[in-house]
PDB file of N, CA and C in Angstrom:
ATOM      1  N   MET A   1      -4.590 -31.460 -18.096  1.00  0.00           N
ATOM      2  CA  MET A   1      -3.808 -31.814 -16.759  1.00  0.00           C
ATOM      3  C   MET A   1      -2.768 -30.735 -16.490  1.00  0.00           C
ATOM      4  N   SER A   2      -3.589 -30.426 -15.077  1.00  0.00           N
ATOM      5  CA  SER A   2      -2.433 -29.356 -14.107  1.00  0.00           C
ATOM      6  C   SER A   2      -1.234 -29.981 -13.668  1.00  0.00           C
ATOM      7  N   LYS A   3      -0.549 -29.054 -13.594  1.00  0.00           N
ATOM      8  CA  LYS A   3       0.920 -29.658 -13.088  1.00  0.00           C
ATOM      9  C   LYS A   3       0.778 -29.756 -11.283  1.00  0.00           C
ATOM     10  N   PHE A   4      -0.269 -29.229 -10.635  1.00  0.00           N
ATOM     11  CA  PHE A   4      -0.890 -29.075  -9.474  1.00  0.00           C
ATOM     12  C   PHE A   4      -1.932 -29.865  -9.560  1.00  0.00           C
ATOM     13  N   ASN A   5      -2.101 -30.945  -8.033  1.00  0.00           N
ATOM     14  CA  ASN A   5      -3.308 -31.515  -7.617  1.00  0.00           C
ATOM     15  C   ASN A   5      -4.751 -30.419  -7.194  1.00  0.00           C
ATOM     16  N   SER A   6      -4.135 -29.598  -6.637  1.00  0.00           N
ATOM     17  CA  SER A   6      -5.690 -28.812  -6.498  1.00  0.00           C
ATOM     18  C   SER A   6      -4.863 -27.340  -6.080  1.00  0.00           C
ATOM     19  N   ASP A   7      -5.759 -26.414  -6.087  1.00  0.00           N
ATOM     20  CA  ASP A   7      -5.711 -24.842  -5.797  1.00  0.00           C
ATOM     21  C   ASP A   7      -4.580 -25.107  -4.248  1.00  0.00           C
ATOM     22  N   ARG A   8      -4.958 -25.457  -3.552  1.00  0.00           N
ATOM     23  CA  ARG A   8      -4.036 -25.595  -2.065  1.00  0.00           C
ATOM     24  C   ARG A   8      -2.777 -25.898  -2.641  1.00  0.00           C
ATOM     25  N   ASP A   9      -2.403 -27.341  -3.310  1.00  0.00           N
ATOM     26  CA  ASP A   9      -0.903 -27.476  -3.635  1.00  0.00           C
ATOM     27  C   ASP A   9      -0.281 -25.891  -4.829  1.00  0.00           C
ATOM     28  N   GLU A  10      -1.152 -25.803  -5.168  1.00  0.00           N
ATOM     29  CA  GLU A  10      -0.562 -24.420  -6.334  1.00  0.00           C
ATOM     30  C   GLU A  10      -0.473 -23.526  -5.282  1.00  0.00           C
ATOM     31  N   ALA A  11      -0.881 -22.902  -4.536  1.00  0.00           N
ATOM     32  CA  ALA A  11      -0.484 -21.847  -3.304  1.00  0.00           C
ATOM     33  C   ALA A  11       0.113 -22.224  -2.223  1.00  0.00           C
ATOM     34  N   LEU A  12       0.506 -23.272  -2.114  1.00  0.00           N
ATOM     35  CA  LEU A  12       1.568 -23.860  -1.572  1.00  0.00           C
ATOM     36  C   LEU A  12       3.178 -23.562  -2.078  1.00  0.00           C
ATOM     37  N   HIS A  13       3.085 -23.511  -3.835  1.00  0.00           N
ATOM     38  CA  HIS A  13       4.201 -23.524  -4.131  1.00  0.00           C
ATOM     39  C   HIS A  13       4.238 -22.463  -4.756  1.00  0.00           C
ATOM     40  N   ALA A  14       3.375 -21.470  -4.578  1.00  0.00           N
ATOM     41  CA  ALA A  14       3.775 -20.111  -4.651  1.00  0.00           C
ATOM     42  C   ALA A  14       4.627 -19.702  -3.366  1.00  0.00           C
ATOM     43  N   LEU A  15       4.419 -20.190  -2.529  1.00  0.00           N
ATOM     44  CA  LEU A  15       4.798 -19.453  -0.954  1.00  0.00           C
ATOM     45  C   LEU A  15       6.450 -20.013  -1.145  1.00  0.00           C
ATOM     46  N   SER A  16       6.507 -21.274  -1.753  1.00  0.00           N
ATOM     47  CA  SER A  16       7.663 -21.894  -2.009  1.00  0.00           C
ATOM     48  C   SER A  16       8.923 -20.794  -2.655  1.00  0.00           C
ATOM     49  N   LEU A  17       8.178 -20.381  -3.660  1.00  0.00           N
ATOM     50  CA  LEU A  17       9.464 -19.272  -4.452  1.00  0.00           C
ATOM     51  C   LEU A  17       9.741 -17.841  -3.675  1.00  0.00           C
ATOM     52  N   ASP A  18       9.062 -17.325  -2.476  1.00  0.00           N
ATOM     53  CA  ASP A  18       9.088 -16.147  -2.294  1.00  0.00           C
ATOM     54  C   ASP A  18      10.519 -16.300  -1.538  1.00  0.00           C
ATOM     55  N   GLY A  19      11.408 -16.992  -1.728  1.00  0.00           N
ATOM     56  CA  GLY A  19      12.730 -17.222  -1.276  1.00  0.00           C
ATOM     57  C   GLY A  19      13.058 -17.500   0.279  1.00  0.00           C
ATOM     58  N   THR A  20      12.397 -17.934   0.829  1.00  0.00           N
ATOM     59  CA  THR A  20      12.082 -18.454   2.543  1.00  0.00           C
ATOM     60  C   THR A  20      12.536 -19.801   2.799  1.00  0.00           C
ATOM     61  N   ALA A  21      11.925 -20.611   1.949  1.00  0.00           N
ATOM     62  CA  ALA A  21      12.165 -22.293   1.502  1.00  0.00           C
ATOM     63  C   ALA A  21      13.352 -22.362   2.030  1.00  0.00           C
ATOM     64  N   GLU A  22      13.528 -23.934   2.540  1.00  0.00           N
ATOM     65  CA  GLU A  22      14.672 -24.558   2.835  1.00  0.00           C
ATOM     66  C   GLU A  22      14.563 -25.197   1.514  1.00  0.00           C
ATOM     67  N   GLU A  23      15.819 -25.221   0.824  1.00  0.00           N
ATOM     68  CA  GLU A  23      15.693 -25.930  -0.655  1.00  0.00           C
ATOM     69  C   GLU A  23      17.012 -27.032  -1.088  1.00  0.00           C
ATOM     70  N   ILE A  24      16.676 -28.084  -1.798  1.00  0.00           N
ATOM     71  CA  ILE A  24      18.113 -28.843  -2.136  1.00  0.00           C
ATOM     72  C   ILE A  24      17.057 -29.645  -3.352  1.00  0.00           C
ATOM     73  N   GLY A  25      18.061 -30.002  -4.019  1.00  0.00           N
ATOM     74  CA  GLY A  25      17.888 -30.727  -5.516  1.00  0.00           C
ATOM     75  C   GLY A  25      17.978 -29.748  -6.834  1.00  0.00           C
ATOM     76  N   ASP A  26      17.590 -30.565  -7.564  1.00  0.00           N
ATOM     77  CA  ASP A  26      17.738 -29.565  -9.223  1.00  0.00           C
ATOM     78  C   ASP A  26      17.024 -30.619  -9.821  1.00  0.00           C
ATOM     79  N   VAL A  27      15.930 -29.906 -10.815  1.00  0.00           N
ATOM     80  CA  VAL A  27      15.256 -30.814 -11.461  1.00  0.00           C
ATOM     81  C   VAL A  27      16.057 -31.362 -12.838  1.00  0.00           C
ATOM     82  N   GLY A  28      16.674 -30.215 -13.061  1.00  0.00           N
ATOM     83  CA  GLY A  28      17.529 -30.552 -14.384  1.00  0.00           C
ATOM     84  C   GLY A  28      18.867 -31.481 -14.412  1.00  0.00           C
ATOM     85  N   THR A  29      18.946 -31.612 -12.967  1.00  0.00           N
ATOM     86  CA  THR A  29      19.997 -33.084 -13.390  1.00  0.00           C
ATOM     87  C   THR A  29      19.465 -33.873 -12.395  1.00  0.00           C
ATOM     88  N   TRP A  30      19.184 -33.996 -10.858  1.00  0.00           N
ATOM     89  CA  TRP A  30      18.590 -35.106 -10.246  1.00  0.00           C
ATOM     90  C   TRP A  30      17.452 -35.512 -10.408  1.00  0.00           C
ATOM     91  N   GLY A  31      16.567 -34.321 -10.984  1.00  0.00           N
ATOM     92  CA  GLY A  31      14.848 -35.088 -11.513  1.00  0.00           C
ATOM     93  C   GLY A  31      13.737 -34.535 -10.243  1.00  0.00           C
ATOM     94  N   HIS A  32      14.580 -33.989  -9.299  1.00  0.00           N
ATOM     95  CA  HIS A  32      13.613 -33.616  -7.887  1.00  0.00           C
ATOM     96  C   HIS A  32      14.159 -32.109  -7.522  1.00  0.00           C
ATOM     97  N   HIS A  33      13.234 -31.109  -6.910  1.00  0.00           N
ATOM     98  CA  HIS A  33      13.678 -29.913  -6.319  1.00  0.00           C
ATOM     99  C   HIS A  33      12.460 -30.076  -4.834  1.00  0.00           C
ATOM    100  N   TYR A  34      13.183 -30.167  -4.056  1.00  0.00           N
ATOM    101  CA  TYR A  34      12.232 -29.863  -2.583  1.00  0.00           C
ATOM    102  C   TYR A  34      12.198 -28.642  -2.221  1.00  0.00           C
ATOM    103  N   ALA A  35      11.379 -28.020  -1.758  1.00  0.00           N
ATOM    104  CA  ALA A  35      11.278 -26.971  -0.944  1.00  0.00           C
ATOM    105  C   ALA A  35      10.308 -26.992   0.388  1.00  0.00           C
ATOM    106  N   GLY A  36      11.383 -27.078   1.705  1.00  0.00           N
ATOM    107  CA  GLY A  36      10.772 -27.055   3.008  1.00  0.00           C
ATOM    108  C   GLY A  36      10.126 -25.814   3.285  1.00  0.00           C
ATOM    109  N   LEU A  37       8.839 -25.501   3.629  1.00  0.00           N
ATOM    110  CA  LEU A  37       8.125 -24.565   4.301  1.00  0.00           C
ATOM    111  C   LEU A  37       7.910 -24.408   5.603  1.00  0.00           C
ATOM    112  N   GLY A  38       8.446 -25.417   6.484  1.00  0.00           N
ATOM    113  CA  GLY A  38       8.113 -25.415   8.027  1.00  0.00           C
ATOM    114  C   GLY A  38       7.149 -25.301   8.139  1.00  0.00           C
ATOM    115  N   ARG A  39       7.071 -24.803   9.042  1.00  0.00           N
ATOM    116  CA  ARG A  39       4.934 -24.548   9.703  1.00  0.00           C
ATOM    117  C   ARG A  39       4.771 -23.666   8.932  1.00  0.00           C
ATOM    118  N   VAL A  40       3.261 -23.858   8.199  1.00  0.00           N
ATOM    119  CA  VAL A  40       2.529 -22.809   7.212  1.00  0.00           C
ATOM    120  C   VAL A  40       1.072 -23.112   8.430  1.00  0.00           C
ATOM    121  N   GLU A  41       0.625 -21.558   8.440  1.00  0.00           N
ATOM    122  CA  GLU A  41      -0.562 -21.361   8.827  1.00  0.00           C
ATOM    123  C   GLU A  41      -1.432 -21.672   7.257  1.00  0.00           C
ATOM    124  N   ARG A  42      -2.955 -22.032   7.896  1.00  0.00           N
ATOM    125  CA  ARG A  42      -4.310 -22.133   7.305  1.00  0.00           C
ATOM    126  C   ARG A  42      -4.386 -20.826   6.544  1.00  0.00           C
ATOM    127  N   SER A  43      -4.296 -19.768   7.133  1.00  0.00           N
ATOM    128  CA  SER A  43      -4.870 -18.217   7.114  1.00  0.00           C
ATOM    129  C   SER A  43      -3.621 -18.005   6.138  1.00  0.00           C
ATOM    130  N   GLU A  44      -2.523 -18.409   5.794  1.00  0.00           N
ATOM    131  CA  GLU A  44      -1.591 -18.074   4.760  1.00  0.00           C
ATOM    132  C   GLU A  44      -1.937 -18.383   3.476  1.00  0.00           C
ATOM    133  N   LEU A  45      -2.808 -19.293   3.562  1.00  0.00           N
ATOM    134  CA  LEU A  45      -3.120 -19.801   1.715  1.00  0.00           C
ATOM    135  C   LEU A  45      -4.520 -18.756   1.356  1.00  0.00           C
ATOM    136  N   GLY A  46      -5.235 -18.161   2.260  1.00  0.00           N
ATOM    137  CA  GLY A  46      -6.196 -17.829   1.950  1.00  0.00           C
ATOM    138  C   GLY A  46      -7.219 -18.525   1.715  1.00  0.00           C
ATOM    139  N   ASP A  47      -7.983 -17.820   0.667  1.00  0.00           N
ATOM    140  CA  ASP A  47      -9.178 -18.740   0.167  1.00  0.00           C
ATOM    141  C   ASP A  47      -9.012 -19.935  -0.737  1.00  0.00           C
ATOM    142  N   ARG A  48      -7.578 -20.052  -0.835  1.00  0.00           N
ATOM    143  CA  ARG A  48      -6.807 -21.918  -1.885  1.00  0.00           C
ATOM    144  C   ARG A  48      -6.653 -22.692  -0.693  1.00  0.00           C
ATOM    145  N   ALA A  49      -7.162 -22.810   0.799  1.00  0.00           N
ATOM    146  CA  ALA A  49      -6.844 -23.744   1.725  1.00  0.00           C
ATOM    147  C   ALA A  49      -7.272 -24.632   1.056  1.00  0.00           C
ATOM    148  N   GLY A  50      -8.320 -24.965   0.891  1.00  0.00           N
ATOM    149  CA  GLY A  50      -8.992 -26.314   0.579  1.00  0.00           C
ATOM    150  C   GLY A  50      -9.073 -27.214   1.824  1.00  0.00           C
ATOM    151  N   ASP A  51      -8.121 -28.400   2.138  1.00  0.00           N
ATOM    152  CA  ASP A  51      -8.786 -29.176   3.249  1.00  0.00           C
ATOM    153  C   ASP A  51      -7.544 -29.217   3.779  1.00  0.00           C
ATOM    154  N   PHE A  52      -6.801 -28.180   3.845  1.00  0.00           N
ATOM    155  CA  PHE A  52      -5.468 -28.229   4.877  1.00  0.00           C
ATOM    156  C   PHE A  52      -5.924 -27.745   6.054  1.00  0.00           C
ATOM    157  N   PRO A  53      -5.289 -28.586   7.214  1.00  0.00           N
ATOM    158  CA  PRO A  53      -5.451 -28.267   8.485  1.00  0.00           C
ATOM    159  C   PRO A  53      -5.409 -26.768   9.253  1.00  0.00           C
ATOM    160  N   ASP A  54      -5.444 -26.185  10.200  1.00  0.00           N
ATOM    161  CA  ASP A  54      -5.153 -25.363  10.951  1.00  0.00           C
ATOM    162  C   ASP A  54      -3.836 -24.641  10.900  1.00  0.00           C
ATOM    163  N   HIS A  55      -2.808 -25.579  10.823  1.00  0.00           N
ATOM    164  CA  HIS A  55      -1.377 -25.772  10.580  1.00  0.00           C
ATOM    165  C   HIS A  55      -0.763 -26.655  10.098  1.00  0.00           C
ATOM    166  N   ALA A  56       0.275 -26.837   9.444  1.00  0.00           N
ATOM    167  CA  ALA A  56       0.756 -28.636   9.024  1.00  0.00           C
ATOM    168  C   ALA A  56       2.062 -27.859   8.747  1.00  0.00           C
ATOM    169  N   TRP A  57       3.456 -28.851   8.679  1.00  0.00           N
ATOM    170  CA  TRP A  57       4.870 -28.667   8.262  1.00  0.00           C
ATOM    171  C   TRP A  57       4.738 -28.920   6.841  1.00  0.00           C
ATOM    172  N   VAL A  58       5.298 -28.508   6.091  1.00  0.00           N
ATOM    173  CA  VAL A  58       5.022 -28.394   4.626  1.00  0.00           C
ATOM    174  C   VAL A  58       6.209 -29.186   4.070  1.00  0.00           C
ATOM    175  N   ILE A  59       6.673 -29.968   3.054  1.00  0.00           N
ATOM    176  CA  ILE A  59       7.098 -29.734   2.023  1.00  0.00           C
ATOM    177  C   ILE A  59       7.021 -29.960   0.838  1.00  0.00           C
ATOM    178  N   VAL A  60       7.169 -28.797  -0.075  1.00  0.00           N
ATOM    179  CA  VAL A  60       6.588 -29.167  -1.607  1.00  0.00           C
ATOM    180  C   VAL A  60       7.838 -29.686  -2.407  1.00  0.00           C
ATOM    181  N   HIS A  61       7.089 -30.734  -3.593  1.00  0.00           N
ATOM    182  CA  HIS A  61       8.099 -31.719  -4.258  1.00  0.00           C
ATOM    183  C   HIS A  61       7.944 -31.037  -5.559  1.00  0.00           C
ATOM    184  N   GLU A  62       9.058 -30.799  -6.564  1.00  0.00           N
ATOM    185  CA  GLU A  62       8.780 -31.051  -8.118  1.00  0.00           C
ATOM    186  C   GLU A  62       9.646 -31.764  -8.620  1.00  0.00           C
ATOM    187  N   ASP A  63       9.084 -32.662  -9.288  1.00  0.00           N
ATOM    188  CA  ASP A  63       9.523 -33.459 -10.354  1.00  0.00           C
ATOM    189  C   ASP A  63      10.433 -32.884 -11.467  1.00  0.00           C
ATOM    190  N   GLY A  64      10.475 -33.454 -12.409  1.00  0.00           N
ATOM    191  CA  GLY A  64      11.791 -33.500 -13.581  1.00  0.00           C
ATOM    192  C   GLY A  64      10.616 -32.851 -14.525  1.00  0.00           C
ATOM    193  N   GLN A  65       9.313 -33.200 -14.477  1.00  0.00           N
ATOM    194  CA  GLN A  65       8.886 -33.062 -16.053  1.00  0.00           C
ATOM    195  C   GLN A  65       7.666 -31.916 -15.354  1.00  0.00           C
ATOM    196  N   GLY A  66       7.977 -31.230 -13.899  1.00  0.00           N
ATOM    197  CA  GLY A  66       7.157 -30.071 -13.741  1.00  0.00           C
ATOM    198  C   GLY A  66       6.142 -30.427 -12.612  1.00  0.00           C
ATOM    199  N   PHE A  67       5.742 -31.467 -12.537  1.00  0.00           N
ATOM    200  CA  PHE A  67       4.701 -31.736 -12.164  1.00  0.00           C
ATOM    201  C   PHE A  67       4.702 -31.791 -10.146  1.00  0.00           C
ATOM    202  N   VAL A  68       4.025 -31.047  -9.502  1.00  0.00           N
ATOM    203  CA  VAL A  68       4.054 -30.507  -8.284  1.00  0.00           C
ATOM    204  C   VAL A  68       3.277 -31.509  -7.382  1.00  0.00           C
ATOM    205  N   ASP A  69       3.881 -31.950  -6.011  1.00  0.00           N
ATOM    206  CA  ASP A  69       3.331 -32.397  -4.770  1.00  0.00           C
ATOM    207  C   ASP A  69       3.767 -31.998  -3.547  1.00  0.00           C
ATOM    208  N   VAL A  70       2.862 -32.124  -2.319  1.00  0.00           N
ATOM    209  CA  VAL A  70       2.836 -31.764  -1.597  1.00  0.00           C
ATOM    210  C   VAL A  70       3.001 -32.550  -0.270  1.00  0.00           C
ATOM    211  N   ALA A  71       3.817 -32.707   0.654  1.00  0.00           N
ATOM    212  CA  ALA A  71       3.303 -33.403   1.975  1.00  0.00           C
ATOM    213  C   ALA A  71       3.606 -32.752   2.917  1.00  0.00           C
ATOM    214  N   LEU A  72       2.375 -32.958   3.575  1.00  0.00           N
ATOM    215  CA  LEU A  72       1.553 -32.190   5.040  1.00  0.00           C
ATOM    216  C   LEU A  72       2.409 -32.924   6.259  1.00  0.00           C
ATOM    217  N   TYR A  73       2.685 -32.506   7.112  1.00  0.00           N
ATOM    218  CA  TYR A  73       3.284 -33.322   8.311  1.00  0.00           C
ATOM    219  C   TYR A  73       2.754 -32.723   9.593  1.00  0.00           C
ATOM    220  N   ASP A  74       2.140 -33.370  10.820  1.00  0.00           N
ATOM    221  CA  ASP A  74       1.743 -32.765  11.795  1.00  0.00           C
ATOM    222  C   ASP A  74       2.573 -32.695  12.691  1.00  0.00           C
ATOM    223  N   SER A  75       3.898 -32.909  12.664  1.00  0.00           N
ATOM    224  CA  SER A  75       4.949 -32.369  13.310  1.00  0.00           C
ATOM    225  C   SER A  75       6.164 -32.254  12.703  1.00  0.00           C
ATOM    226  N   GLU A  76       6.829 -31.484  13.139  1.00  0.00           N
ATOM    227  CA  GLU A  76       8.135 -30.764  12.978  1.00  0.00           C
ATOM    228  C   GLU A  76       8.925 -31.855  12.760  1.00  0.00           C
ATOM    229  N   ALA A  77       9.401 -33.221  13.731  1.00  0.00           N
ATOM    230  CA  ALA A  77       9.756 -34.170  13.623  1.00  0.00           C
ATOM    231  C   ALA A  77       9.638 -34.857  12.306  1.00  0.00           C
ATOM    232  N   GLY A  78       8.486 -35.202  11.985  1.00  0.00           N
ATOM    233  CA  GLY A  78       8.186 -36.282  10.442  1.00  0.00           C
ATOM    234  C   GLY A  78       9.045 -35.511   9.469  1.00  0.00           C
ATOM    235  N   TYR A  79       8.507 -34.120   9.577  1.00  0.00           N
ATOM    236  CA  TYR A  79       8.852 -33.138   8.260  1.00  0.00           C
ATOM    237  C   TYR A  79      10.217 -32.872   8.417  1.00  0.00           C
ATOM    238  N   ARG A  80      11.084 -32.863   9.539  1.00  0.00           N
ATOM    239  CA  ARG A  80      12.641 -32.775   9.438  1.00  0.00           C
ATOM    240  C   ARG A  80      12.851 -34.292   8.781  1.00  0.00           C
ATOM    241  N   ALA A  81      12.433 -35.051   9.223  1.00  0.00           N
ATOM    242  CA  ALA A  81      12.713 -36.597   9.152  1.00  0.00           C
ATOM    243  C   ALA A  81      12.938 -36.767   7.315  1.00  0.00           C
ATOM    244  N   ASP A  82      12.198 -36.194   6.781  1.00  0.00           N
ATOM    245  CA  ASP A  82      11.688 -36.660   5.528  1.00  0.00           C
ATOM    246  C   ASP A  82      12.451 -35.877   4.653  1.00  0.00           C
ATOM    247  N   PHE A  83      12.447 -34.403   5.174  1.00  0.00           N
ATOM    248  CA  PHE A  83      13.544 -33.271   4.260  1.00  0.00           C
ATOM    249  C   PHE A  83      14.875 -33.759   4.595  1.00  0.00           C
ATOM    250  N   ASP A  84      15.674 -34.078   5.715  1.00  0.00           N
ATOM    251  CA  ASP A  84      17.016 -34.443   5.996  1.00  0.00           C
ATOM    252  C   ASP A  84      17.267 -35.789   5.109  1.00  0.00           C
ATOM    253  N   ARG A  85      16.154 -36.491   4.742  1.00  0.00           N
ATOM    254  CA  ARG A  85      16.405 -38.147   4.013  1.00  0.00           C
ATOM    255  C   ARG A  85      16.337 -37.502   2.536  1.00  0.00           C
ATOM    256  N   ALA A  86      15.693 -36.625   1.967  1.00  0.00           N
ATOM    257  CA  ALA A  86      15.860 -36.188   0.463  1.00  0.00           C
ATOM    258  C   ALA A  86      17.065 -35.685   0.380  1.00  0.00           C
ATOM    259  N   GLU A  87      17.665 -34.430   1.778  1.00  0.00           N
ATOM    260  CA  GLU A  87      18.982 -34.123   1.125  1.00  0.00           C
ATOM    261  C   GLU A  87      19.738 -35.173   1.248  1.00  0.00           C
ATOM    262  N   SER A  88      20.110 -35.734   2.025  1.00  0.00           N
ATOM    263  CA  SER A  88      20.852 -37.061   2.145  1.00  0.00           C
ATOM    264  C   SER A  88      20.938 -37.828   0.794  1.00  0.00           C
ATOM    265  N   GLN A  89      19.767 -37.941   0.000  1.00  0.00           N
ATOM    266  CA  GLN A  89      19.551 -38.793  -1.460  1.00  0.00           C
ATOM    267  C   GLN A  89      20.476 -37.574  -2.226  1.00  0.00           C
ATOM    268  N   TYR A  90      20.102 -36.650  -2.092  1.00  0.00           N
ATOM    269  CA  TYR A  90      20.705 -35.577  -3.311  1.00  0.00           C
ATOM    270  C   TYR A  90      22.200 -35.372  -3.252  1.00  0.00           C
ATOM    271  N   VAL A  91      22.548 -35.407  -1.580  1.00  0.00           N
ATOM    272  CA  VAL A  91      24.280 -35.344  -1.490  1.00  0.00           C
ATOM    273  C   VAL A  91      24.568 -36.315  -2.375  1.00  0.00           C
ATOM    274  N   ALA A  92      24.237 -37.716  -2.206  1.00  0.00           N
ATOM    275  CA  ALA A  92      24.660 -38.913  -2.591  1.00  0.00           C
ATOM    276  C   ALA A  92      24.814 -39.084  -4.040  1.00  0.00           C
ATOM    277  N   PHE A  93      23.788 -38.092  -4.547  1.00  0.00           N
ATOM    278  CA  PHE A  93      23.637 -38.349  -6.102  1.00  0.00           C
ATOM    279  C   PHE A  93      24.700 -37.109  -6.557  1.00  0.00           C
ATOM    280  N   GLU A  94      24.970 -36.336  -6.169  1.00  0.00           N
ATOM    281  CA  GLU A  94      25.897 -35.001  -6.519  1.00  0.00           C
ATOM    282  C   GLU A  94      27.508 -36.049  -6.163  1.00  0.00           C
ATOM    283  N   ASP A  95      27.210 -36.692  -5.305  1.00  0.00           N
ATOM    284  CA  ASP A  95      28.913 -37.609  -5.104  1.00  0.00           C
ATOM    285  C   ASP A  95      29.414 -38.705  -6.112  1.00  0.00           C
ATOM    286  N   GLY A  96      27.971 -38.958  -6.460  1.00  0.00           N
ATOM    287  CA  GLY A  96      27.840 -40.050  -7.846  1.00  0.00           C
ATOM    288  C   GLY A  96      28.493 -39.080  -9.227  1.00  0.00           C
ATOM    289  N   ALA A  97      27.661 -37.834  -8.956  1.00  0.00           N
ATOM    290  CA  ALA A  97      27.964 -37.352  -9.986  1.00  0.00           C
ATOM    291  C   ALA A  97      29.078 -36.751 -10.460  1.00  0.00           C
ATOM    292  N   ALA A  98      29.934 -36.443  -9.465  1.00  0.00           N
ATOM    293  CA  ALA A  98      31.396 -35.863  -9.686  1.00  0.00           C
ATOM    294  C   ALA A  98      32.244 -36.491 -10.164  1.00  0.00           C
TER     295      ALA A  98
END
């Protein structure tokens, strides 16, 4: 069993590791890490694009067991709303853990 659902998801995860993503969370304490890649073009994924559209806004999520899933958004507004929601949940977790 792979930690990725597809080659596409593995390629998007690799993009999230280049230091340009917005990042929130901590898998060690909270059990979640989110990397907001913003708008990604299909061409950035090369031959691993799979069913990726021409472009999408992307959030990569890794859970505490190392499994990775990817959410694709057709608008920046949807992407931003979900990323902000995850950030609020993490802040609430940190406030409660303090």
